Amino acid sequence: MMRFSLQDPDLFRRQAYIGGRWCDADNGATLEVNNPATGEILGTVPMMGAAETRRAIDAEKNAWVDWRRKPAKAEALFCAGGMI
């Protein structure tokens, strides 16, 4: 299925990151992702619906409570890839 190569194959995920963990769609449905230039199927992603979307929104709201208390320097380091 996947022909392109990554030096670190763990970077290619077929799940969504919600609330600190990788998740499949509740019903297991997936959607193929293709290269529009070639039509080649690159992989799949979970086809999530309203329930998963609500969990993602709630997780973001909960994370924001702690994140907004961080100083600007910490945010800059995180956004620059330093991940403090």
PDB file of N, CA and C in Angstrom:
ATOM      1  N   MET A   1       0.825  -1.187   0.000  1.00  0.00           N
ATOM      2  CA  MET A   1       0.000   0.000   0.000  1.00  0.00           C
ATOM      3  C   MET A   1       0.874   1.258   0.000  1.00  0.00           C
ATOM      4  N   MET A   2       1.819   1.379   0.915  1.00  0.00           N
ATOM      5  CA  MET A   2       2.609   2.593   1.035  1.00  0.00           C
ATOM      6  C   MET A   2       3.968   2.390   0.369  1.00  0.00           C
ATOM      7  N   ARG A   3       4.233   3.136  -0.715  1.00  0.00           N
ATOM      8  CA  ARG A   3       5.500   2.986  -1.425  1.00  0.00           C
ATOM      9  C   ARG A   3       6.536   4.003  -1.007  1.00  0.00           C
ATOM     10  N   PHE A   4       6.087   5.203  -0.594  1.00  0.00           N
ATOM     11  CA  PHE A   4       7.060   6.194  -0.198  1.00  0.00           C
ATOM     12  C   PHE A   4       7.741   5.719   1.082  1.00  0.00           C
ATOM     13  N   SER A   5       8.928   6.193   1.312  1.00  0.00           N
ATOM     14  CA  SER A   5       9.657   5.691   2.473  1.00  0.00           C
ATOM     15  C   SER A   5       9.963   6.816   3.447  1.00  0.00           C
ATOM     16  N   LEU A   6       9.901   6.476   4.697  1.00  0.00           N
ATOM     17  CA  LEU A   6      10.264   7.382   5.779  1.00  0.00           C
ATOM     18  C   LEU A   6      11.448   6.777   6.511  1.00  0.00           C
ATOM     19  N   GLN A   7      12.353   7.618   6.974  1.00  0.00           N
ATOM     20  CA  GLN A   7      13.449   7.087   7.768  1.00  0.00           C
ATOM     21  C   GLN A   7      12.913   6.506   9.074  1.00  0.00           C
ATOM     22  N   ASP A   8      11.849   7.114   9.599  1.00  0.00           N
ATOM     23  CA  ASP A   8      11.223   6.630  10.822  1.00  0.00           C
ATOM     24  C   ASP A   8       9.775   6.265  10.509  1.00  0.00           C
ATOM     25  N   PRO A   9       9.485   4.985  10.241  1.00  0.00           N
ATOM     26  CA  PRO A   9       8.126   4.604   9.850  1.00  0.00           C
ATOM     27  C   PRO A   9       7.083   4.858  10.941  1.00  0.00           C
ATOM     28  N   ASP A  10       7.493   5.069  12.183  1.00  0.00           N
ATOM     29  CA  ASP A  10       6.537   5.383  13.247  1.00  0.00           C
ATOM     30  C   ASP A  10       5.877   6.746  13.032  1.00  0.00           C
ATOM     31  N   LEU A  11       6.454   7.567  12.153  1.00  0.00           N
ATOM     32  CA  LEU A  11       5.871   8.874  11.870  1.00  0.00           C
ATOM     33  C   LEU A  11       4.590   8.764  11.052  1.00  0.00           C
ATOM     34  N   PHE A  12       4.403   7.665  10.347  1.00  0.00           N
ATOM     35  CA  PHE A  12       3.206   7.467   9.534  1.00  0.00           C
ATOM     36  C   PHE A  12       2.161   6.766  10.382  1.00  0.00           C
ATOM     37  N   ARG A  13       1.157   7.504  10.831  1.00  0.00           N
ATOM     38  CA  ARG A  13       0.129   6.952  11.706  1.00  0.00           C
ATOM     39  C   ARG A  13      -1.177   6.801  10.946  1.00  0.00           C
ATOM     40  N   ARG A  14      -1.925   5.782  11.307  1.00  0.00           N
ATOM     41  CA  ARG A  14      -3.238   5.543  10.700  1.00  0.00           C
ATOM     42  C   ARG A  14      -4.342   5.694  11.728  1.00  0.00           C
ATOM     43  N   GLN A  15      -4.085   6.549  12.693  1.00  0.00           N
ATOM     44  CA  GLN A  15      -5.056   6.836  13.735  1.00  0.00           C
ATOM     45  C   GLN A  15      -5.075   8.343  13.969  1.00  0.00           C
ATOM     46  N   ALA A  16      -6.042   8.809  14.746  1.00  0.00           N
ATOM     47  CA  ALA A  16      -6.142  10.215  15.122  1.00  0.00           C
ATOM     48  C   ALA A  16      -5.688  10.361  16.580  1.00  0.00           C
ATOM     49  N   TYR A  17      -5.040  11.467  16.869  1.00  0.00           N
ATOM     50  CA  TYR A  17      -4.536  11.726  18.221  1.00  0.00           C
ATOM     51  C   TYR A  17      -5.557  12.571  18.952  1.00  0.00           C
ATOM     52  N   ILE A  18      -6.207  11.971  19.951  1.00  0.00           N
ATOM     53  CA  ILE A  18      -7.249  12.659  20.711  1.00  0.00           C
ATOM     54  C   ILE A  18      -6.976  12.469  22.197  1.00  0.00           C
ATOM     55  N   GLY A  19      -6.853  13.569  22.895  1.00  0.00           N
ATOM     56  CA  GLY A  19      -6.726  13.510  24.346  1.00  0.00           C
ATOM     57  C   GLY A  19      -5.525  12.715  24.831  1.00  0.00           C
ATOM     58  N   GLY A  20      -4.431  12.790  24.092  1.00  0.00           N
ATOM     59  CA  GLY A  20      -3.206  12.129  24.532  1.00  0.00           C
ATOM     60  C   GLY A  20      -3.054  10.679  24.114  1.00  0.00           C
ATOM     61  N   ARG A  21      -3.930  10.200  23.243  1.00  0.00           N
ATOM     62  CA  ARG A  21      -3.767   8.817  22.775  1.00  0.00           C
ATOM     63  C   ARG A  21      -4.219   8.679  21.330  1.00  0.00           C
ATOM     64  N   TRP A  22      -3.673   7.671  20.674  1.00  0.00           N
ATOM     65  CA  TRP A  22      -4.015   7.394  19.284  1.00  0.00           C
ATOM     66  C   TRP A  22      -5.297   6.572  19.241  1.00  0.00           C
ATOM     67  N   CYS A  23      -6.245   6.981  18.394  1.00  0.00           N
ATOM     68  CA  CYS A  23      -7.581   6.370  18.373  1.00  0.00           C
ATOM     69  C   CYS A  23      -8.013   5.998  16.957  1.00  0.00           C
ATOM     70  N   ASP A  24      -8.786   4.926  16.884  1.00  0.00           N
ATOM     71  CA  ASP A  24      -9.493   4.565  15.659  1.00  0.00           C
ATOM     72  C   ASP A  24     -10.882   5.184  15.735  1.00  0.00           C
ATOM     73  N   ALA A  25     -11.595   5.173  14.638  1.00  0.00           N
ATOM     74  CA  ALA A  25     -12.998   5.589  14.650  1.00  0.00           C
ATOM     75  C   ALA A  25     -13.779   4.602  15.509  1.00  0.00           C
ATOM     76  N   ASP A  26     -14.801   5.080  16.188  1.00  0.00           N
ATOM     77  CA  ASP A  26     -15.601   4.206  17.057  1.00  0.00           C
ATOM     78  C   ASP A  26     -16.129   2.995  16.308  1.00  0.00           C
ATOM     79  N   ASN A  27     -16.530   3.207  15.055  1.00  0.00           N
ATOM     80  CA  ASN A  27     -17.102   2.095  14.284  1.00  0.00           C
ATOM     81  C   ASN A  27     -16.057   1.379  13.425  1.00  0.00           C
ATOM     82  N   GLY A  28     -14.783   1.779  13.548  1.00  0.00           N
ATOM     83  CA  GLY A  28     -13.710   1.128  12.802  1.00  0.00           C
ATOM     84  C   GLY A  28     -13.589   1.556  11.348  1.00  0.00           C
ATOM     85  N   ALA A  29     -14.437   2.481  10.902  1.00  0.00           N
ATOM     86  CA  ALA A  29     -14.416   2.915   9.501  1.00  0.00           C
ATOM     87  C   ALA A  29     -13.132   3.682   9.191  1.00  0.00           C
ATOM     88  N   THR A  30     -12.651   3.508   7.968  1.00  0.00           N
ATOM     89  CA  THR A  30     -11.461   4.224   7.518  1.00  0.00           C
ATOM     90  C   THR A  30     -11.721   4.855   6.158  1.00  0.00           C
ATOM     91  N   LEU A  31     -10.849   5.766   5.827  1.00  0.00           N
ATOM     92  CA  LEU A  31     -10.921   6.470   4.550  1.00  0.00           C
ATOM     93  C   LEU A  31      -9.545   6.382   3.907  1.00  0.00           C
ATOM     94  N   GLU A  32      -9.494   6.003   2.647  1.00  0.00           N
ATOM     95  CA  GLU A  32      -8.208   5.923   1.949  1.00  0.00           C
ATOM     96  C   GLU A  32      -7.689   7.315   1.637  1.00  0.00           C
ATOM     97  N   VAL A  33      -6.379   7.478   1.759  1.00  0.00           N
ATOM     98  CA  VAL A  33      -5.705   8.724   1.409  1.00  0.00           C
ATOM     99  C   VAL A  33      -4.844   8.425   0.189  1.00  0.00           C
ATOM    100  N   ASN A  34      -5.068   9.191  -0.862  1.00  0.00           N
ATOM    101  CA  ASN A  34      -4.310   8.915  -2.083  1.00  0.00           C
ATOM    102  C   ASN A  34      -3.499  10.122  -2.511  1.00  0.00           C
ATOM    103  N   ASN A  35      -2.480   9.855  -3.299  1.00  0.00           N
ATOM    104  CA  ASN A  35      -1.677  10.896  -3.918  1.00  0.00           C
ATOM    105  C   ASN A  35      -2.476  11.388  -5.122  1.00  0.00           C
ATOM    106  N   PRO A  36      -2.934  12.645  -5.114  1.00  0.00           N
ATOM    107  CA  PRO A  36      -3.776  13.104  -6.214  1.00  0.00           C
ATOM    108  C   PRO A  36      -3.053  13.153  -7.554  1.00  0.00           C
ATOM    109  N   ALA A  37      -1.745  13.213  -7.526  1.00  0.00           N
ATOM    110  CA  ALA A  37      -0.986  13.274  -8.776  1.00  0.00           C
ATOM    111  C   ALA A  37      -0.906  11.914  -9.465  1.00  0.00           C
ATOM    112  N   THR A  38      -0.878  10.846  -8.652  1.00  0.00           N
ATOM    113  CA  THR A  38      -0.700   9.510  -9.232  1.00  0.00           C
ATOM    114  C   THR A  38      -1.870   8.571  -8.982  1.00  0.00           C
ATOM    115  N   GLY A  39      -2.719   8.931  -8.018  1.00  0.00           N
ATOM    116  CA  GLY A  39      -3.809   8.042  -7.645  1.00  0.00           C
ATOM    117  C   GLY A  39      -3.376   6.945  -6.688  1.00  0.00           C
ATOM    118  N   GLU A  40      -2.075   6.868  -6.391  1.00  0.00           N
ATOM    119  CA  GLU A  40      -1.548   5.828  -5.492  1.00  0.00           C
ATOM    120  C   GLU A  40      -2.147   5.984  -4.091  1.00  0.00           C
ATOM    121  N   ILE A  41      -2.584   4.878  -3.517  1.00  0.00           N
ATOM    122  CA  ILE A  41      -3.096   4.878  -2.150  1.00  0.00           C
ATOM    123  C   ILE A  41      -1.904   4.935  -1.203  1.00  0.00           C
ATOM    124  N   LEU A  42      -1.876   5.970  -0.364  1.00  0.00           N
ATOM    125  CA  LEU A  42      -0.773   6.153   0.575  1.00  0.00           C
ATOM    126  C   LEU A  42      -1.038   5.482   1.912  1.00  0.00           C
ATOM    127  N   GLY A  43      -2.302   5.383   2.271  1.00  0.00           N
ATOM    128  CA  GLY A  43      -2.658   4.782   3.547  1.00  0.00           C
ATOM    129  C   GLY A  43      -4.114   5.035   3.844  1.00  0.00           C
ATOM    130  N   THR A  44      -4.476   4.886   5.093  1.00  0.00           N
ATOM    131  CA  THR A  44      -5.844   5.133   5.526  1.00  0.00           C
ATOM    132  C   THR A  44      -5.831   5.991   6.787  1.00  0.00           C
ATOM    133  N   VAL A  45      -6.933   6.652   7.019  1.00  0.00           N
ATOM    134  CA  VAL A  45      -7.151   7.412   8.248  1.00  0.00           C
ATOM    135  C   VAL A  45      -8.526   7.024   8.787  1.00  0.00           C
ATOM    136  N   PRO A  46      -8.739   7.175  10.094  1.00  0.00           N
ATOM    137  CA  PRO A  46     -10.052   6.849  10.622  1.00  0.00           C
ATOM    138  C   PRO A  46     -11.103   7.850  10.134  1.00  0.00           C
ATOM    139  N   MET A  47     -12.255   7.330   9.746  1.00  0.00           N
ATOM    140  CA  MET A  47     -13.362   8.179   9.323  1.00  0.00           C
ATOM    141  C   MET A  47     -14.235   8.431  10.551  1.00  0.00           C
ATOM    142  N   MET A  48     -13.910   9.498  11.233  1.00  0.00           N
ATOM    143  CA  MET A  48     -14.560   9.779  12.509  1.00  0.00           C
ATOM    144  C   MET A  48     -15.822  10.590  12.315  1.00  0.00           C
ATOM    145  N   GLY A  49     -16.709  10.455  13.272  1.00  0.00           N
ATOM    146  CA  GLY A  49     -17.983  11.142  13.211  1.00  0.00           C
ATOM    147  C   GLY A  49     -18.162  12.130  14.346  1.00  0.00           C
ATOM    148  N   ALA A  50     -19.410  12.405  14.679  1.00  0.00           N
ATOM    149  CA  ALA A  50     -19.743  13.422  15.664  1.00  0.00           C
ATOM    150  C   ALA A  50     -19.214  13.086  17.060  1.00  0.00           C
ATOM    151  N   ALA A  51     -19.314  11.833  17.476  1.00  0.00           N
ATOM    152  CA  ALA A  51     -18.880  11.463  18.829  1.00  0.00           C
ATOM    153  C   ALA A  51     -17.372  11.658  19.002  1.00  0.00           C
ATOM    154  N   GLU A  52     -16.602  11.231  18.007  1.00  0.00           N
ATOM    155  CA  GLU A  52     -15.151  11.389  18.084  1.00  0.00           C
ATOM    156  C   GLU A  52     -14.771  12.869  18.016  1.00  0.00           C
ATOM    157  N   THR A  53     -15.493  13.631  17.185  1.00  0.00           N
ATOM    158  CA  THR A  53     -15.235  15.067  17.076  1.00  0.00           C
ATOM    159  C   THR A  53     -15.501  15.757  18.400  1.00  0.00           C
ATOM    160  N   ARG A  54     -16.583  15.387  19.058  1.00  0.00           N
ATOM    161  CA  ARG A  54     -16.909  15.975  20.363  1.00  0.00           C
ATOM    162  C   ARG A  54     -15.811  15.655  21.372  1.00  0.00           C
ATOM    163  N   ARG A  55     -15.317  14.423  21.388  1.00  0.00           N
ATOM    164  CA  ARG A  55     -14.223  14.057  22.315  1.00  0.00           C
ATOM    165  C   ARG A  55     -12.965  14.865  22.034  1.00  0.00           C
ATOM    166  N   ALA A  56     -12.671  15.093  20.753  1.00  0.00           N
ATOM    167  CA  ALA A  56     -11.493  15.877  20.396  1.00  0.00           C
ATOM    168  C   ALA A  56     -11.645  17.331  20.857  1.00  0.00           C
ATOM    169  N   ILE A  57     -12.833  17.890  20.685  1.00  0.00           N
ATOM    170  CA  ILE A  57     -13.090  19.267  21.127  1.00  0.00           C
ATOM    171  C   ILE A  57     -12.981  19.358  22.643  1.00  0.00           C
ATOM    172  N   ASP A  58     -13.565  18.399  23.355  1.00  0.00           N
ATOM    173  CA  ASP A  58     -13.488  18.399  24.816  1.00  0.00           C
ATOM    174  C   ASP A  58     -12.051  18.247  25.309  1.00  0.00           C
ATOM    175  N   ALA A  59     -11.278  17.397  24.644  1.00  0.00           N
ATOM    176  CA  ALA A  59      -9.869  17.203  25.023  1.00  0.00           C
ATOM    177  C   ALA A  59      -9.089  18.492  24.816  1.00  0.00           C
ATOM    178  N   GLU A  60      -9.369  19.197  23.730  1.00  0.00           N
ATOM    179  CA  GLU A  60      -8.685  20.464  23.467  1.00  0.00           C
ATOM    180  C   GLU A  60      -9.041  21.490  24.531  1.00  0.00           C
ATOM    181  N   LYS A  61     -10.315  21.565  24.897  1.00  0.00           N
ATOM    182  CA  LYS A  61     -10.729  22.510  25.940  1.00  0.00           C
ATOM    183  C   LYS A  61     -10.020  22.210  27.258  1.00  0.00           C
ATOM    184  N   ASN A  62      -9.926  20.930  27.606  1.00  0.00           N
ATOM    185  CA  ASN A  62      -9.249  20.549  28.847  1.00  0.00           C
ATOM    186  C   ASN A  62      -7.758  20.863  28.791  1.00  0.00           C
ATOM    187  N   ALA A  63      -7.135  20.640  27.655  1.00  0.00           N
ATOM    188  CA  ALA A  63      -5.703  20.928  27.510  1.00  0.00           C
ATOM    189  C   ALA A  63      -5.450  22.430  27.583  1.00  0.00           C
ATOM    190  N   TRP A  64      -6.364  23.219  27.067  1.00  0.00           N
ATOM    191  CA  TRP A  64      -6.191  24.666  27.044  1.00  0.00           C
ATOM    192  C   TRP A  64      -6.124  25.239  28.454  1.00  0.00           C
ATOM    193  N   VAL A  65      -6.820  24.653  29.402  1.00  0.00           N
ATOM    194  CA  VAL A  65      -6.803  25.142  30.786  1.00  0.00           C
ATOM    195  C   VAL A  65      -5.368  25.202  31.311  1.00  0.00           C
ATOM    196  N   ASP A  66      -4.591  24.144  31.086  1.00  0.00           N
ATOM    197  CA  ASP A  66      -3.195  24.128  31.525  1.00  0.00           C
ATOM    198  C   ASP A  66      -2.291  24.917  30.582  1.00  0.00           C
ATOM    199  N   TRP A  67      -2.531  24.803  29.293  1.00  0.00           N
ATOM    200  CA  TRP A  67      -1.655  25.431  28.298  1.00  0.00           C
ATOM    201  C   TRP A  67      -1.646  26.950  28.435  1.00  0.00           C
ATOM    202  N   ARG A  68      -2.794  27.548  28.706  1.00  0.00           N
ATOM    203  CA  ARG A  68      -2.857  29.014  28.759  1.00  0.00           C
ATOM    204  C   ARG A  68      -2.084  29.583  29.941  1.00  0.00           C
ATOM    205  N   ARG A  69      -1.752  28.751  30.916  1.00  0.00           N
ATOM    206  CA  ARG A  69      -0.975  29.210  32.068  1.00  0.00           C
ATOM    207  C   ARG A  69       0.533  29.188  31.806  1.00  0.00           C
ATOM    208  N   LYS A  70       0.941  28.595  30.719  1.00  0.00           N
ATOM    209  CA  LYS A  70       2.372  28.510  30.404  1.00  0.00           C
ATOM    210  C   LYS A  70       2.889  29.867  29.918  1.00  0.00           C
ATOM    211  N   PRO A  71       4.124  30.195  30.289  1.00  0.00           N
ATOM    212  CA  PRO A  71       4.691  31.455  29.799  1.00  0.00           C
ATOM    213  C   PRO A  71       4.961  31.378  28.294  1.00  0.00           C
ATOM    214  N   ALA A  72       5.053  32.543  27.665  1.00  0.00           N
ATOM    215  CA  ALA A  72       5.259  32.613  26.221  1.00  0.00           C
ATOM    216  C   ALA A  72       6.510  31.853  25.797  1.00  0.00           C
ATOM    217  N   LYS A  73       7.571  31.891  26.612  1.00  0.00           N
ATOM    218  CA  LYS A  73       8.807  31.191  26.256  1.00  0.00           C
ATOM    219  C   LYS A  73       8.561  29.685  26.135  1.00  0.00           C
ATOM    220  N   ALA A  74       7.783  29.120  27.040  1.00  0.00           N
ATOM    221  CA  ALA A  74       7.478  27.685  26.990  1.00  0.00           C
ATOM    222  C   ALA A  74       6.681  27.360  25.737  1.00  0.00           C
ATOM    223  N   GLU A  75       5.726  28.211  25.374  1.00  0.00           N
ATOM    224  CA  GLU A  75       4.946  27.990  24.161  1.00  0.00           C
ATOM    225  C   GLU A  75       5.842  28.040  22.939  1.00  0.00           C
ATOM    226  N   ALA A  76       6.764  29.007  22.908  1.00  0.00           N
ATOM    227  CA  ALA A  76       7.671  29.136  21.766  1.00  0.00           C
ATOM    228  C   ALA A  76       8.554  27.914  21.628  1.00  0.00           C
ATOM    229  N   LEU A  77       9.063  27.399  22.742  1.00  0.00           N
ATOM    230  CA  LEU A  77       9.905  26.210  22.690  1.00  0.00           C
ATOM    231  C   LEU A  77       9.120  25.011  22.172  1.00  0.00           C
ATOM    232  N   PHE A  78       7.897  24.855  22.642  1.00  0.00           N
ATOM    233  CA  PHE A  78       7.066  23.738  22.200  1.00  0.00           C
ATOM    234  C   PHE A  78       6.788  23.849  20.706  1.00  0.00           C
ATOM    235  N   CYS A  79       6.366  25.030  20.270  1.00  0.00           N
ATOM    236  CA  CYS A  79       6.025  25.221  18.865  1.00  0.00           C
ATOM    237  C   CYS A  79       7.237  25.082  17.953  1.00  0.00           C
ATOM    238  N   ALA A  80       8.424  25.334  18.503  1.00  0.00           N
ATOM    239  CA  ALA A  80       9.646  25.207  17.706  1.00  0.00           C
ATOM    240  C   ALA A  80      10.161  23.760  17.712  1.00  0.00           C
ATOM    241  N   GLY A  81       9.465  22.879  18.389  1.00  0.00           N
ATOM    242  CA  GLY A  81       9.865  21.470  18.398  1.00  0.00           C
ATOM    243  C   GLY A  81      10.625  21.070  19.638  1.00  0.00           C
ATOM    244  N   GLY A  82      10.799  21.986  20.577  1.00  0.00           N
ATOM    245  CA  GLY A  82      11.537  21.675  21.804  1.00  0.00           C
ATOM    246  C   GLY A  82      10.753  20.807  22.761  1.00  0.00           C
ATOM    247  N   MET A  83       9.442  20.862  22.687  1.00  0.00           N
ATOM    248  CA  MET A  83       8.538  20.063  23.526  1.00  0.00           C
ATOM    249  C   MET A  83       9.052  19.932  24.955  1.00  0.00           C
ATOM    250  N   ILE A  84       8.878  20.961  25.724  1.00  0.00           N
ATOM    251  CA  ILE A  84       9.347  20.961  27.112  1.00  0.00           C
ATOM    252  C   ILE A  84       8.533  20.035  27.976  1.00  0.00           C
TER     253      ILE A  84
END
